[in-house]
Amino acid sequence: MHLTLKKETTRPPGRTFLQQQARFDEFVSEFNRERPHEAIGMKVPADLYSASARLRRDNQDENARQSR
């Protein structure tokens, strides 16, 4: 996946950070919603994804303390 990402999004590179980020975002969307993956029976990841029922712990306060 990383080699494919590099080949498809960095040659030629975007002229600005925002253009490059848009290329990455487009690649990830296509990779997860349109490209079949052999490892999951030629389905697309978006067809199999389901959000976790667990709540994410907010680490903002903890991260702020660690950076001091």
C-alpha atoms as a PDB file:
ATOM      1  CA  MET A   1       0.000   0.000   0.000  1.00  0.00           C
ATOM      2  CA  HIS A   2       2.765   2.473   0.869  1.00  0.00           C
ATOM      3  CA  LEU A   3       4.568   2.016  -2.453  1.00  0.00           C
ATOM      4  CA  THR A   4       1.284   2.474  -4.307  1.00  0.00           C
ATOM      5  CA  LEU A   5       0.548   5.590  -2.241  1.00  0.00           C
ATOM      6  CA  LYS A   6       3.958   7.020  -3.065  1.00  0.00           C
ATOM      7  CA  LYS A   7       3.715   6.250  -6.786  1.00  0.00           C
ATOM      8  CA  GLU A   8       0.216   7.638  -7.188  1.00  0.00           C
ATOM      9  CA  THR A   9       0.413  10.754  -5.042  1.00  0.00           C
ATOM     10  CA  THR A  10       3.935  12.138  -5.226  1.00  0.00           C
ATOM     11  CA  ARG A  11       4.866  12.038  -8.897  1.00  0.00           C
ATOM     12  CA  PRO A  12       4.572  14.862  -9.650  1.00  0.00           C
ATOM     13  CA  PRO A  13       4.142  16.316  -6.166  1.00  0.00           C
ATOM     14  CA  GLY A  14       1.482  18.873  -5.348  1.00  0.00           C
ATOM     15  CA  ARG A  15       2.663  22.467  -5.585  1.00  0.00           C
ATOM     16  CA  THR A  16       1.512  23.320  -2.079  1.00  0.00           C
ATOM     17  CA  PHE A  17       0.951  21.441   1.154  1.00  0.00           C
ATOM     18  CA  LEU A  18      -2.824  21.695   0.672  1.00  0.00           C
ATOM     19  CA  GLN A  19      -2.646  20.318  -2.873  1.00  0.00           C
ATOM     20  CA  GLN A  20      -0.504  17.419  -1.685  1.00  0.00           C
ATOM     21  CA  GLN A  21      -2.868  16.707   1.213  1.00  0.00           C
ATOM     22  CA  ALA A  22      -5.798  16.678  -1.225  1.00  0.00           C
ATOM     23  CA  ARG A  23      -3.957  14.061  -3.306  1.00  0.00           C
ATOM     24  CA  PHE A  24      -3.417  11.899  -0.228  1.00  0.00           C
ATOM     25  CA  ASP A  25      -7.057  12.273   0.814  1.00  0.00           C
ATOM     26  CA  GLU A  26      -8.279  11.317  -2.672  1.00  0.00           C
ATOM     27  CA  PHE A  27      -6.015   8.254  -2.714  1.00  0.00           C
ATOM     28  CA  VAL A  28      -7.214   7.061   0.697  1.00  0.00           C
ATOM     29  CA  SER A  29     -10.845   7.519  -0.308  1.00  0.00           C
ATOM     30  CA  GLU A  30     -10.368   5.560  -3.534  1.00  0.00           C
ATOM     31  CA  PHE A  31      -8.287   2.897  -1.758  1.00  0.00           C
ATOM     32  CA  ASN A  32     -10.975   2.320   0.866  1.00  0.00           C
ATOM     33  CA  ARG A  33     -14.150   2.815  -1.197  1.00  0.00           C
ATOM     34  CA  GLU A  34     -13.411   1.748  -4.773  1.00  0.00           C
ATOM     35  CA  ARG A  35     -10.466  -0.677  -4.949  1.00  0.00           C
ATOM     36  CA  PRO A  36     -11.184  -4.335  -4.259  1.00  0.00           C
ATOM     37  CA  HIS A  37      -8.672  -5.995  -1.921  1.00  0.00           C
ATOM     38  CA  GLU A  38      -7.627  -9.602  -2.449  1.00  0.00           C
ATOM     39  CA  ALA A  39      -7.066 -10.185   1.276  1.00  0.00           C
ATOM     40  CA  ILE A  40     -10.743  -9.514   2.028  1.00  0.00           C
ATOM     41  CA  GLY A  41     -12.277 -11.517  -0.805  1.00  0.00           C
ATOM     42  CA  MET A  42     -12.126  -8.789  -3.468  1.00  0.00           C
ATOM     43  CA  LYS A  43     -14.364  -6.511  -1.424  1.00  0.00           C
ATOM     44  CA  VAL A  44     -13.658  -2.884  -0.647  1.00  0.00           C
ATOM     45  CA  PRO A  45     -12.757  -2.016   2.959  1.00  0.00           C
ATOM     46  CA  ALA A  46     -15.647   0.433   3.250  1.00  0.00           C
ATOM     47  CA  ASP A  47     -18.097  -2.446   2.773  1.00  0.00           C
ATOM     48  CA  LEU A  48     -16.710  -4.230   5.821  1.00  0.00           C
ATOM     49  CA  TYR A  49     -15.927  -1.309   8.128  1.00  0.00           C
ATOM     50  CA  SER A  50     -18.003  -0.703  11.211  1.00  0.00           C
ATOM     51  CA  ALA A  51     -17.244   1.861  13.883  1.00  0.00           C
ATOM     52  CA  SER A  52     -16.136   0.637  17.273  1.00  0.00           C
ATOM     53  CA  ALA A  53     -18.735   0.652  20.017  1.00  0.00           C
ATOM     54  CA  ARG A  54     -16.036   1.699  22.501  1.00  0.00           C
ATOM     55  CA  LEU A  55     -15.652   5.373  23.279  1.00  0.00           C
ATOM     56  CA  ARG A  56     -12.294   6.963  22.555  1.00  0.00           C
ATOM     57  CA  ARG A  57     -10.497   8.372  25.533  1.00  0.00           C
ATOM     58  CA  ASP A  58      -9.703  12.041  25.119  1.00  0.00           C
ATOM     59  CA  ASN A  59      -5.942  12.390  25.519  1.00  0.00           C
ATOM     60  CA  GLN A  60      -5.676  16.148  24.989  1.00  0.00           C
ATOM     61  CA  ASP A  61      -5.118  16.945  28.661  1.00  0.00           C
ATOM     62  CA  GLU A  62      -2.625  14.112  29.042  1.00  0.00           C
ATOM     63  CA  ASN A  63      -0.719  15.154  25.906  1.00  0.00           C
ATOM     64  CA  ALA A  64      -0.564  18.762  27.107  1.00  0.00           C
ATOM     65  CA  ARG A  65       0.974  17.657  30.410  1.00  0.00           C
ATOM     66  CA  GLN A  66       3.569  15.492  28.677  1.00  0.00           C
ATOM     67  CA  SER A  67       4.733  18.322  26.425  1.00  0.00           C
ATOM     68  CA  ARG A  68       5.557  20.627  29.340  1.00  0.00           C
END
